[in-house]
PDB file of all heavy atoms in Angstrom:
ATOM      1  N   PHE A   1      19.245  21.039  23.995  1.00  0.00           N
ATOM      2  CA  PHE A   1      19.376  19.633  23.741  1.00  0.00           C
ATOM      3  C   PHE A   1      18.494  18.888  24.719  1.00  0.00           C
ATOM      4  O   PHE A   1      18.638  18.967  25.911  1.00  0.00           O
ATOM      5  CB  PHE A   1      20.838  19.237  23.877  1.00  0.00           C
ATOM      6  CG  PHE A   1      21.095  17.835  23.461  1.00  0.00           C
ATOM      7  CD1 PHE A   1      20.937  17.452  22.161  1.00  0.00           C
ATOM      8  CD2 PHE A   1      21.463  16.882  24.392  1.00  0.00           C
ATOM      9  CE1 PHE A   1      21.186  16.170  21.806  1.00  0.00           C
ATOM     10  CE2 PHE A   1      21.708  15.607  24.015  1.00  0.00           C
ATOM     11  CZ  PHE A   1      21.561  15.249  22.701  1.00  0.00           C
ATOM     12  N   ASP A   2      17.659  18.092  24.115  1.00  0.00           N
ATOM     13  CA  ASP A   2      16.697  17.387  24.936  1.00  0.00           C
ATOM     14  C   ASP A   2      16.965  15.892  24.792  1.00  0.00           C
ATOM     15  O   ASP A   2      17.160  15.378  23.711  1.00  0.00           O
ATOM     16  CB  ASP A   2      15.305  17.771  24.446  1.00  0.00           C
ATOM     17  CG  ASP A   2      14.242  17.354  25.401  1.00  0.00           C
ATOM     18  OD1 ASP A   2      14.564  16.913  26.477  1.00  0.00           O
ATOM     19  OD2 ASP A   2      13.077  17.438  24.993  1.00  0.00           O
ATOM     20  N   PHE A   3      16.898  15.243  25.974  1.00  0.00           N
ATOM     21  CA  PHE A   3      17.139  13.799  25.960  1.00  0.00           C
ATOM     22  C   PHE A   3      15.992  13.045  25.278  1.00  0.00           C
ATOM     23  O   PHE A   3      16.202  11.989  24.722  1.00  0.00           O
ATOM     24  CB  PHE A   3      17.345  13.274  27.382  1.00  0.00           C
ATOM     25  CG  PHE A   3      18.725  13.502  27.873  1.00  0.00           C
ATOM     26  CD1 PHE A   3      18.986  14.465  28.850  1.00  0.00           C
ATOM     27  CD2 PHE A   3      19.793  12.770  27.387  1.00  0.00           C
ATOM     28  CE1 PHE A   3      20.253  14.683  29.300  1.00  0.00           C
ATOM     29  CE2 PHE A   3      21.059  13.017  27.861  1.00  0.00           C
ATOM     30  CZ  PHE A   3      21.305  13.952  28.802  1.00  0.00           C
ATOM     31  N   ASN A   4      14.877  13.610  25.303  1.00  0.00           N
ATOM     32  CA  ASN A   4      13.738  12.976  24.614  1.00  0.00           C
ATOM     33  C   ASN A   4      13.973  12.903  23.106  1.00  0.00           C
ATOM     34  O   ASN A   4      13.618  11.926  22.456  1.00  0.00           O
ATOM     35  CB  ASN A   4      12.467  13.771  24.858  1.00  0.00           C
ATOM     36  CG  ASN A   4      11.830  13.384  26.166  1.00  0.00           C
ATOM     37  OD1 ASN A   4      12.057  12.286  26.652  1.00  0.00           O
ATOM     38  ND2 ASN A   4      11.024  14.264  26.691  1.00  0.00           N
ATOM     39  N   LEU A   5      14.551  13.972  22.678  1.00  0.00           N
ATOM     40  CA  LEU A   5      14.852  13.982  21.250  1.00  0.00           C
ATOM     41  C   LEU A   5      15.888  12.924  20.915  1.00  0.00           C
ATOM     42  O   LEU A   5      15.789  12.236  19.895  1.00  0.00           O
ATOM     43  CB  LEU A   5      15.330  15.376  20.860  1.00  0.00           C
ATOM     44  CG  LEU A   5      15.650  15.574  19.402  1.00  0.00           C
ATOM     45  CD1 LEU A   5      14.406  15.453  18.521  1.00  0.00           C
ATOM     46  CD2 LEU A   5      16.300  16.921  19.212  1.00  0.00           C
ATOM     47  N   LEU A   6      16.875  12.791  21.760  1.00  0.00           N
ATOM     48  CA  LEU A   6      17.912  11.780  21.555  1.00  0.00           C
ATOM     49  C   LEU A   6      17.302  10.388  21.604  1.00  0.00           C
ATOM     50  O   LEU A   6      17.602   9.540  20.747  1.00  0.00           O
ATOM     51  CB  LEU A   6      18.992  11.954  22.616  1.00  0.00           C
ATOM     52  CG  LEU A   6      20.133  10.966  22.543  1.00  0.00           C
ATOM     53  CD1 LEU A   6      20.934  11.133  21.263  1.00  0.00           C
ATOM     54  CD2 LEU A   6      21.001  11.092  23.756  1.00  0.00           C
ATOM     55  N   TRP A   7      16.447  10.127  22.571  1.00  0.00           N
ATOM     56  CA  TRP A   7      15.805   8.817  22.673  1.00  0.00           C
ATOM     57  C   TRP A   7      14.878   8.580  21.468  1.00  0.00           C
ATOM     58  O   TRP A   7      14.821   7.465  20.942  1.00  0.00           O
ATOM     59  CB  TRP A   7      14.982   8.704  23.952  1.00  0.00           C
ATOM     60  CG  TRP A   7      15.850   8.417  25.151  1.00  0.00           C
ATOM     61  CD1 TRP A   7      16.085   9.215  26.193  1.00  0.00           C
ATOM     62  CD2 TRP A   7      16.568   7.242  25.366  1.00  0.00           C
ATOM     63  NE1 TRP A   7      16.924   8.651  27.070  1.00  0.00           N
ATOM     64  CE2 TRP A   7      17.259   7.375  26.577  1.00  0.00           C
ATOM     65  CE3 TRP A   7      16.775   6.036  24.698  1.00  0.00           C
ATOM     66  CZ2 TRP A   7      18.080   6.407  27.118  1.00  0.00           C
ATOM     67  CZ3 TRP A   7      17.586   5.087  25.265  1.00  0.00           C
ATOM     68  CH2 TRP A   7      18.222   5.265  26.440  1.00  0.00           C
ATOM     69  N   THR A   8      14.290   9.560  21.007  1.00  0.00           N
ATOM     70  CA  THR A   8      13.424   9.418  19.843  1.00  0.00           C
ATOM     71  C   THR A   8      14.248   9.071  18.623  1.00  0.00           C
ATOM     72  O   THR A   8      13.883   8.184  17.825  1.00  0.00           O
ATOM     73  CB  THR A   8      12.635  10.711  19.597  1.00  0.00           C
ATOM     74  OG1 THR A   8      11.908  11.033  20.761  1.00  0.00           O
ATOM     75  CG2 THR A   8      11.687  10.580  18.426  1.00  0.00           C
ATOM     76  N   VAL A   9      15.357   9.726  18.461  1.00  0.00           N
ATOM     77  CA  VAL A   9      16.250   9.439  17.326  1.00  0.00           C
ATOM     78  C   VAL A   9      16.797   8.027  17.461  1.00  0.00           C
ATOM     79  O   VAL A   9      16.860   7.256  16.485  1.00  0.00           O
ATOM     80  CB  VAL A   9      17.377  10.498  17.234  1.00  0.00           C
ATOM     81  CG1 VAL A   9      18.444  10.082  16.239  1.00  0.00           C
ATOM     82  CG2 VAL A   9      16.818  11.839  16.894  1.00  0.00           C
ATOM     83  N   ILE A  10      17.205   7.636  18.644  1.00  0.00           N
ATOM     84  CA  ILE A  10      17.754   6.292  18.865  1.00  0.00           C
ATOM     85  C   ILE A  10      16.651   5.264  18.592  1.00  0.00           C
ATOM     86  O   ILE A  10      16.891   4.236  17.934  1.00  0.00           O
ATOM     87  CB  ILE A  10      18.325   6.151  20.289  1.00  0.00           C
ATOM     88  CG1 ILE A  10      19.590   6.995  20.422  1.00  0.00           C
ATOM     89  CG2 ILE A  10      18.612   4.698  20.614  1.00  0.00           C
ATOM     90  CD1 ILE A  10      20.164   7.028  21.813  1.00  0.00           C
ATOM     91  N   ASN A  11      15.459   5.553  19.072  1.00  0.00           N
ATOM     92  CA  ASN A  11      14.339   4.638  18.833  1.00  0.00           C
ATOM     93  C   ASN A  11      14.048   4.502  17.322  1.00  0.00           C
ATOM     94  O   ASN A  11      13.783   3.418  16.819  1.00  0.00           O
ATOM     95  CB  ASN A  11      13.083   5.130  19.554  1.00  0.00           C
ATOM     96  CG  ASN A  11      13.071   4.728  21.013  1.00  0.00           C
ATOM     97  OD1 ASN A  11      13.710   3.756  21.393  1.00  0.00           O
ATOM     98  ND2 ASN A  11      12.332   5.467  21.809  1.00  0.00           N
ATOM     99  N   LEU A  12      14.120   5.635  16.669  1.00  0.00           N
ATOM    100  CA  LEU A  12      13.883   5.607  15.218  1.00  0.00           C
ATOM    101  C   LEU A  12      14.969   4.801  14.504  1.00  0.00           C
ATOM    102  O   LEU A  12      14.672   4.026  13.581  1.00  0.00           O
ATOM    103  CB  LEU A  12      13.820   7.016  14.645  1.00  0.00           C
ATOM    104  CG  LEU A  12      12.508   7.737  14.816  1.00  0.00           C
ATOM    105  CD1 LEU A  12      12.630   9.162  14.319  1.00  0.00           C
ATOM    106  CD2 LEU A  12      11.401   7.025  14.087  1.00  0.00           C
ATOM    107  N   VAL A  13      16.198   4.959  14.877  1.00  0.00           N
ATOM    108  CA  VAL A  13      17.304   4.205  14.256  1.00  0.00           C
ATOM    109  C   VAL A  13      17.130   2.723  14.553  1.00  0.00           C
ATOM    110  O   VAL A  13      17.279   1.863  13.670  1.00  0.00           O
ATOM    111  CB  VAL A  13      18.672   4.739  14.742  1.00  0.00           C
ATOM    112  CG1 VAL A  13      19.809   3.807  14.328  1.00  0.00           C
ATOM    113  CG2 VAL A  13      18.907   6.135  14.228  1.00  0.00           C
ATOM    114  N   ILE A  14      16.829   2.369  15.793  1.00  0.00           N
ATOM    115  CA  ILE A  14      16.643   0.961  16.159  1.00  0.00           C
ATOM    116  C   ILE A  14      15.426   0.396  15.406  1.00  0.00           C
ATOM    117  O   ILE A  14      15.463  -0.720  14.859  1.00  0.00           O
ATOM    118  CB  ILE A  14      16.478   0.812  17.688  1.00  0.00           C
ATOM    119  CG1 ILE A  14      17.798   1.108  18.382  1.00  0.00           C
ATOM    120  CG2 ILE A  14      15.996  -0.596  18.042  1.00  0.00           C
ATOM    121  CD1 ILE A  14      17.719   1.133  19.891  1.00  0.00           C
ATOM    122  N   PHE A  15      14.356   1.193  15.403  1.00  0.00           N
ATOM    123  CA  PHE A  15      13.150   0.766  14.676  1.00  0.00           C
ATOM    124  C   PHE A  15      13.456   0.554  13.185  1.00  0.00           C
ATOM    125  O   PHE A  15      13.022  -0.431  12.582  1.00  0.00           O
ATOM    126  CB  PHE A  15      12.042   1.806  14.870  1.00  0.00           C
ATOM    127  CG  PHE A  15      10.758   1.424  14.251  1.00  0.00           C
ATOM    128  CD1 PHE A  15       9.997   0.378  14.753  1.00  0.00           C
ATOM    129  CD2 PHE A  15      10.309   2.101  13.125  1.00  0.00           C
ATOM    130  CE1 PHE A  15       8.821   0.026  14.153  1.00  0.00           C
ATOM    131  CE2 PHE A  15       9.131   1.748  12.520  1.00  0.00           C
ATOM    132  CZ  PHE A  15       8.370   0.716  13.021  1.00  0.00           C
ATOM    133  N   PHE A  16      14.249   1.459  12.614  1.00  0.00           N
ATOM    134  CA  PHE A  16      14.632   1.326  11.205  1.00  0.00           C
ATOM    135  C   PHE A  16      15.465   0.069  10.978  1.00  0.00           C
ATOM    136  O   PHE A  16      15.246  -0.673  10.011  1.00  0.00           O
ATOM    137  CB  PHE A  16      15.397   2.576  10.744  1.00  0.00           C
ATOM    138  CG  PHE A  16      15.917   2.468   9.359  1.00  0.00           C
ATOM    139  CD1 PHE A  16      15.074   2.565   8.251  1.00  0.00           C
ATOM    140  CD2 PHE A  16      17.275   2.238   9.123  1.00  0.00           C
ATOM    141  CE1 PHE A  16      15.559   2.451   6.961  1.00  0.00           C
ATOM    142  CE2 PHE A  16      17.756   2.122   7.829  1.00  0.00           C
ATOM    143  CZ  PHE A  16      16.891   2.233   6.751  1.00  0.00           C
ATOM    144  N   LEU A  17      16.425  -0.204  11.854  1.00  0.00           N
ATOM    145  CA  LEU A  17      17.268  -1.390  11.720  1.00  0.00           C
ATOM    146  C   LEU A  17      16.439  -2.669  11.869  1.00  0.00           C
ATOM    147  O   LEU A  17      16.635  -3.629  11.122  1.00  0.00           O
ATOM    148  CB  LEU A  17      18.406  -1.363  12.734  1.00  0.00           C
ATOM    149  CG  LEU A  17      19.487  -0.308  12.497  1.00  0.00           C
ATOM    150  CD1 LEU A  17      20.499  -0.322  13.654  1.00  0.00           C
ATOM    151  CD2 LEU A  17      20.204  -0.540  11.187  1.00  0.00           C
ATOM    152  N   LEU A  18      15.531  -2.643  12.823  1.00  0.00           N
ATOM    153  CA  LEU A  18      14.681  -3.817  13.011  1.00  0.00           C
ATOM    154  C   LEU A  18      13.760  -4.020  11.799  1.00  0.00           C
ATOM    155  O   LEU A  18      13.545  -5.146  11.342  1.00  0.00           O
ATOM    156  CB  LEU A  18      13.849  -3.680  14.291  1.00  0.00           C
ATOM    157  CG  LEU A  18      14.605  -3.860  15.603  1.00  0.00           C
ATOM    158  CD1 LEU A  18      13.687  -3.572  16.789  1.00  0.00           C
ATOM    159  CD2 LEU A  18      15.177  -5.252  15.717  1.00  0.00           C
ATOM    160  N   MET A  19      13.231  -2.918  11.323  1.00  0.00           N
ATOM    161  CA  MET A  19      12.371  -3.003  10.132  1.00  0.00           C
ATOM    162  C   MET A  19      13.174  -3.520   8.945  1.00  0.00           C
ATOM    163  O   MET A  19      12.685  -4.322   8.153  1.00  0.00           O
ATOM    164  CB  MET A  19      11.784  -1.639   9.783  1.00  0.00           C
ATOM    165  CG  MET A  19      10.820  -1.103  10.765  1.00  0.00           C
ATOM    166  SD  MET A  19       9.166  -1.593  10.433  1.00  0.00           S
ATOM    167  CE  MET A  19       8.765  -0.691   9.025  1.00  0.00           C
ATOM    168  N   ARG A  20      14.360  -3.021   8.829  1.00  0.00           N
ATOM    169  CA  ARG A  20      15.217  -3.453   7.723  1.00  0.00           C
ATOM    170  C   ARG A  20      15.513  -4.937   7.843  1.00  0.00           C
ATOM    171  O   ARG A  20      15.479  -5.662   6.849  1.00  0.00           O
ATOM    172  CB  ARG A  20      16.497  -2.631   7.731  1.00  0.00           C
ATOM    173  CG  ARG A  20      17.347  -2.870   6.537  1.00  0.00           C
ATOM    174  CD  ARG A  20      18.487  -1.898   6.512  1.00  0.00           C
ATOM    175  NE  ARG A  20      19.368  -2.246   5.416  1.00  0.00           N
ATOM    176  CZ  ARG A  20      20.621  -1.960   5.363  1.00  0.00           C
ATOM    177  NH1 ARG A  20      21.170  -1.274   6.321  1.00  0.00           N
ATOM    178  NH2 ARG A  20      21.336  -2.321   4.348  1.00  0.00           N
ATOM    179  N   LEU A  21      15.818  -5.367   9.051  1.00  0.00           N
ATOM    180  CA  LEU A  21      16.174  -6.763   9.285  1.00  0.00           C
ATOM    181  C   LEU A  21      14.972  -7.680   9.123  1.00  0.00           C
ATOM    182  O   LEU A  21      15.052  -8.702   8.450  1.00  0.00           O
ATOM    183  CB  LEU A  21      16.795  -6.908  10.674  1.00  0.00           C
ATOM    184  CG  LEU A  21      17.249  -8.308  11.072  1.00  0.00           C
ATOM    185  CD1 LEU A  21      18.402  -8.765  10.206  1.00  0.00           C
ATOM    186  CD2 LEU A  21      17.651  -8.319  12.528  1.00  0.00           C
ATOM    187  N   PHE A  22      13.865  -7.353   9.707  1.00  0.00           N
ATOM    188  CA  PHE A  22      12.727  -8.261   9.729  1.00  0.00           C
ATOM    189  C   PHE A  22      11.662  -7.985   8.661  1.00  0.00           C
ATOM    190  O   PHE A  22      10.858  -8.845   8.373  1.00  0.00           O
ATOM    191  CB  PHE A  22      12.063  -8.235  11.123  1.00  0.00           C
ATOM    192  CG  PHE A  22      12.935  -8.827  12.189  1.00  0.00           C
ATOM    193  CD1 PHE A  22      13.500  -8.006  13.168  1.00  0.00           C
ATOM    194  CD2 PHE A  22      13.206 -10.180  12.221  1.00  0.00           C
ATOM    195  CE1 PHE A  22      14.309  -8.540  14.155  1.00  0.00           C
ATOM    196  CE2 PHE A  22      14.012 -10.706  13.221  1.00  0.00           C
ATOM    197  CZ  PHE A  22      14.563  -9.893  14.178  1.00  0.00           C
ATOM    198  N   LEU A  23      11.655  -6.828   8.106  1.00  0.00           N
ATOM    199  CA  LEU A  23      10.605  -6.507   7.148  1.00  0.00           C
ATOM    200  C   LEU A  23      11.152  -6.319   5.738  1.00  0.00           C
ATOM    201  O   LEU A  23      10.680  -6.937   4.798  1.00  0.00           O
ATOM    202  CB  LEU A  23       9.855  -5.255   7.593  1.00  0.00           C
ATOM    203  CG  LEU A  23       8.649  -4.871   6.750  1.00  0.00           C
ATOM    204  CD1 LEU A  23       7.575  -5.940   6.851  1.00  0.00           C
ATOM    205  CD2 LEU A  23       8.109  -3.520   7.197  1.00  0.00           C
ATOM    206  N   PHE A  24      12.115  -5.492   5.567  1.00  0.00           N
ATOM    207  CA  PHE A  24      12.604  -5.167   4.223  1.00  0.00           C
ATOM    208  C   PHE A  24      13.314  -6.347   3.551  1.00  0.00           C
ATOM    209  O   PHE A  24      13.124  -6.589   2.360  1.00  0.00           O
ATOM    210  CB  PHE A  24      13.529  -3.946   4.254  1.00  0.00           C
ATOM    211  CG  PHE A  24      12.850  -2.663   4.628  1.00  0.00           C
ATOM    212  CD1 PHE A  24      13.537  -1.680   5.339  1.00  0.00           C
ATOM    213  CD2 PHE A  24      11.534  -2.425   4.289  1.00  0.00           C
ATOM    214  CE1 PHE A  24      12.914  -0.493   5.679  1.00  0.00           C
ATOM    215  CE2 PHE A  24      10.914  -1.242   4.625  1.00  0.00           C
ATOM    216  CZ  PHE A  24      11.600  -0.278   5.331  1.00  0.00           C
ATOM    217  N   LYS A  25      14.150  -7.082   4.284  1.00  0.00           N
ATOM    218  CA  LYS A  25      14.862  -8.215   3.680  1.00  0.00           C
ATOM    219  C   LYS A  25      13.882  -9.293   3.205  1.00  0.00           C
ATOM    220  O   LYS A  25      14.003  -9.763   2.082  1.00  0.00           O
ATOM    221  CB  LYS A  25      15.903  -8.780   4.647  1.00  0.00           C
ATOM    222  CG  LYS A  25      17.160  -7.960   4.707  1.00  0.00           C
ATOM    223  CD  LYS A  25      18.240  -8.648   5.514  1.00  0.00           C
ATOM    224  CE  LYS A  25      19.483  -7.782   5.540  1.00  0.00           C
ATOM    225  NZ  LYS A  25      20.573  -8.389   6.290  1.00  0.00           N
ATOM    226  N   PRO A  26      12.896  -9.732   4.032  1.00  0.00           N
ATOM    227  CA  PRO A  26      11.940 -10.725   3.532  1.00  0.00           C
ATOM    228  C   PRO A  26      11.106 -10.197   2.358  1.00  0.00           C
ATOM    229  O   PRO A  26      10.824 -10.936   1.410  1.00  0.00           O
ATOM    230  CB  PRO A  26      11.053 -11.032   4.726  1.00  0.00           C
ATOM    231  CG  PRO A  26      11.845 -10.666   5.920  1.00  0.00           C
ATOM    232  CD  PRO A  26      12.725  -9.545   5.490  1.00  0.00           C
ATOM    233  N   ILE A  27      10.761  -8.929   2.423  1.00  0.00           N
ATOM    234  CA  ILE A  27       9.993  -8.361   1.315  1.00  0.00           C
ATOM    235  C   ILE A  27      10.848  -8.351   0.050  1.00  0.00           C
ATOM    236  O   ILE A  27      10.366  -8.689  -1.043  1.00  0.00           O
ATOM    237  CB  ILE A  27       9.477  -6.955   1.674  1.00  0.00           C
ATOM    238  CG1 ILE A  27       8.350  -7.075   2.707  1.00  0.00           C
ATOM    239  CG2 ILE A  27       8.980  -6.224   0.438  1.00  0.00           C
ATOM    240  CD1 ILE A  27       7.830  -5.751   3.216  1.00  0.00           C
ATOM    241  N   LYS A  28      12.136  -7.974   0.185  1.00  0.00           N
ATOM    242  CA  LYS A  28      13.033  -7.983  -0.980  1.00  0.00           C
ATOM    243  C   LYS A  28      13.202  -9.404  -1.524  1.00  0.00           C
ATOM    244  O   LYS A  28      13.221  -9.599  -2.738  1.00  0.00           O
ATOM    245  CB  LYS A  28      14.412  -7.391  -0.604  1.00  0.00           C
ATOM    246  CG  LYS A  28      14.449  -5.903  -0.587  1.00  0.00           C
ATOM    247  CD  LYS A  28      15.882  -5.426  -0.354  1.00  0.00           C
ATOM    248  CE  LYS A  28      15.944  -3.915  -0.381  1.00  0.00           C
ATOM    249  NZ  LYS A  28      17.298  -3.411  -0.168  1.00  0.00           N
ATOM    250  N   LYS A  29      13.302 -10.384  -0.613  1.00  0.00           N
ATOM    251  CA  LYS A  29      13.408 -11.775  -1.058  1.00  0.00           C
ATOM    252  C   LYS A  29      12.136 -12.188  -1.813  1.00  0.00           C
ATOM    253  O   LYS A  29      12.198 -12.822  -2.851  1.00  0.00           O
ATOM    254  CB  LYS A  29      13.633 -12.721   0.128  1.00  0.00           C
ATOM    255  CG  LYS A  29      15.033 -12.782   0.631  1.00  0.00           C
ATOM    256  CD  LYS A  29      15.107 -13.832   1.747  1.00  0.00           C
ATOM    257  CE  LYS A  29      16.507 -13.922   2.324  1.00  0.00           C
ATOM    258  NZ  LYS A  29      16.592 -14.897   3.405  1.00  0.00           N
ATOM    259  N   THR A  30      10.994 -11.837  -1.235  1.00  0.00           N
ATOM    260  CA  THR A  30       9.723 -12.180  -1.872  1.00  0.00           C
ATOM    261  C   THR A  30       9.598 -11.506  -3.228  1.00  0.00           C
ATOM    262  O   THR A  30       9.189 -12.121  -4.217  1.00  0.00           O
ATOM    263  CB  THR A  30       8.549 -11.773  -0.961  1.00  0.00           C
ATOM    264  OG1 THR A  30       8.689 -12.404   0.306  1.00  0.00           O
ATOM    265  CG2 THR A  30       7.219 -12.163  -1.586  1.00  0.00           C
ATOM    266  N   LEU A  31       9.960 -10.253  -3.298  1.00  0.00           N
ATOM    267  CA  LEU A  31       9.909  -9.524  -4.563  1.00  0.00           C
ATOM    268  C   LEU A  31      10.879 -10.124  -5.580  1.00  0.00           C
ATOM    269  O   LEU A  31      10.549 -10.246  -6.769  1.00  0.00           O
ATOM    270  CB  LEU A  31      10.197  -8.033  -4.345  1.00  0.00           C
ATOM    271  CG  LEU A  31       9.098  -7.232  -3.635  1.00  0.00           C
ATOM    272  CD1 LEU A  31       9.556  -5.798  -3.398  1.00  0.00           C
ATOM    273  CD2 LEU A  31       7.835  -7.233  -4.465  1.00  0.00           C
ATOM    274  N   ALA A  32      12.086 -10.501  -5.120  1.00  0.00           N
ATOM    275  CA  ALA A  32      13.068 -11.124  -6.015  1.00  0.00           C
ATOM    276  C   ALA A  32      12.546 -12.473  -6.521  1.00  0.00           C
ATOM    277  O   ALA A  32      12.687 -12.814  -7.713  1.00  0.00           O
ATOM    278  CB  ALA A  32      14.412 -11.280  -5.304  1.00  0.00           C
ATOM    279  N   ALA A  33      11.918 -13.230  -5.626  1.00  0.00           N
ATOM    280  CA  ALA A  33      11.372 -14.533  -6.021  1.00  0.00           C
ATOM    281  C   ALA A  33      10.230 -14.350  -7.015  1.00  0.00           C
ATOM    282  O   ALA A  33      10.134 -15.074  -8.020  1.00  0.00           O
ATOM    283  CB  ALA A  33      10.895 -15.297  -4.788  1.00  0.00           C
ATOM    284  N   ARG A  34       9.381 -13.365  -6.761  1.00  0.00           N
ATOM    285  CA  ARG A  34       8.285 -13.084  -7.699  1.00  0.00           C
ATOM    286  C   ARG A  34       8.817 -12.610  -9.035  1.00  0.00           C
ATOM    287  O   ARG A  34       8.289 -12.986 -10.089  1.00  0.00           O
ATOM    288  CB  ARG A  34       7.348 -12.037  -7.118  1.00  0.00           C
ATOM    289  CG  ARG A  34       6.435 -12.611  -6.092  1.00  0.00           C
ATOM    290  CD  ARG A  34       5.346 -11.665  -5.796  1.00  0.00           C
ATOM    291  NE  ARG A  34       4.146 -12.448  -5.591  1.00  0.00           N
ATOM    292  CZ  ARG A  34       2.963 -11.951  -5.495  1.00  0.00           C
ATOM    293  NH1 ARG A  34       2.783 -10.670  -5.622  1.00  0.00           N
ATOM    294  NH2 ARG A  34       1.936 -12.729  -5.278  1.00  0.00           N
ATOM    295  N   GLU A  35       9.844 -11.764  -8.972  1.00  0.00           N
ATOM    296  CA  GLU A  35      10.447 -11.288 -10.228  1.00  0.00           C
ATOM    297  C   GLU A  35      11.029 -12.461 -11.021  1.00  0.00           C
ATOM    298  O   GLU A  35      10.840 -12.562 -12.234  1.00  0.00           O
ATOM    299  CB  GLU A  35      11.527 -10.247  -9.917  1.00  0.00           C
ATOM    300  CG  GLU A  35      12.129  -9.606 -11.149  1.00  0.00           C
ATOM    301  CD  GLU A  35      13.179  -8.569 -10.807  1.00  0.00           C
ATOM    302  OE1 GLU A  35      13.307  -8.162  -9.641  1.00  0.00           O
ATOM    303  OE2 GLU A  35      13.887  -8.178 -11.742  1.00  0.00           O
ATOM    304  N   GLU A  36      11.694 -13.367 -10.323  1.00  0.00           N
ATOM    305  CA  GLU A  36      12.268 -14.556 -10.978  1.00  0.00           C
ATOM    306  C   GLU A  36      11.145 -15.442 -11.540  1.00  0.00           C
ATOM    307  O   GLU A  36      11.235 -15.953 -12.655  1.00  0.00           O
ATOM    308  CB  GLU A  36      13.122 -15.339  -9.975  1.00  0.00           C
ATOM    309  CG  GLU A  36      13.840 -16.528 -10.560  1.00  0.00           C
ATOM    310  CD  GLU A  36      14.906 -16.126 -11.579  1.00  0.00           C
ATOM    311  OE1 GLU A  36      15.487 -15.039 -11.478  1.00  0.00           O
ATOM    312  OE2 GLU A  36      15.139 -16.924 -12.511  1.00  0.00           O
ATOM    313  N   MET A  37      10.072 -15.590 -10.761  1.00  0.00           N
ATOM    314  CA  MET A  37       8.943 -16.385 -11.215  1.00  0.00           C
ATOM    315  C   MET A  37       8.310 -15.746 -12.460  1.00  0.00           C
ATOM    316  O   MET A  37       7.987 -16.448 -13.438  1.00  0.00           O
ATOM    317  CB  MET A  37       7.891 -16.496 -10.103  1.00  0.00           C
ATOM    318  CG  MET A  37       6.701 -17.376 -10.463  1.00  0.00           C
ATOM    319  SD  MET A  37       5.486 -17.448  -9.154  1.00  0.00           S
ATOM    320  CE  MET A  37       4.759 -15.833  -9.301  1.00  0.00           C
TER     321      MET A  37
END
Protein backbone atom coordinates (compact mmCIF):
# COMPACT_ATOMS: atom_id res chain seq x y z
CA PHE A 1 0.00 0.00 0.00
CA ASP A 2 1.45 3.20 -1.15
CA PHE A 3 0.42 6.62 0.01
CA ASN A 4 1.09 8.01 -3.40
CA LEU A 5 -1.50 5.78 -4.79
CA LEU A 6 -3.96 6.94 -2.16
CA TRP A 7 -3.20 10.59 -2.90
CA THR A 8 -3.57 9.95 -6.57
CA VAL A 9 -6.96 8.35 -6.06
CA ILE A 10 -8.05 11.19 -3.77
CA ASN A 11 -6.80 13.72 -6.31
CA LEU A 12 -8.67 11.93 -9.05
CA VAL A 13 -11.90 11.89 -7.01
CA ILE A 14 -11.54 15.59 -6.13
CA PHE A 15 -10.65 16.40 -9.73
CA PHE A 16 -13.71 14.43 -10.88
CA LEU A 17 -16.00 16.25 -8.42
CA LEU A 18 -14.61 19.61 -9.44
CA MET A 19 -14.97 18.74 -13.10
CA ARG A 20 -18.49 17.59 -12.48
CA LEU A 21 -19.32 20.75 -10.58
CA PHE A 22 -17.65 23.29 -12.84
CA LEU A 23 -17.51 21.59 -16.21
CA PHE A 24 -20.16 18.92 -16.65
CA LYS A 25 -23.11 20.85 -15.15
CA PRO A 26 -22.58 23.97 -17.35
CA ILE A 27 -22.03 21.77 -20.37
CA LYS A 28 -25.24 19.84 -19.57
CA LYS A 29 -27.09 23.15 -19.16
CA THR A 30 -25.71 24.40 -22.47
CA LEU A 31 -26.60 21.15 -24.20
CA ALA A 32 -30.11 21.23 -22.67
CA ALA A 33 -30.56 24.84 -23.80
CA ARG A 34 -29.36 23.97 -27.30
CA GLU A 35 -31.63 20.95 -27.38
CA GLU A 36 -34.57 23.15 -26.34
CA MET A 37 -33.59 25.75 -28.93
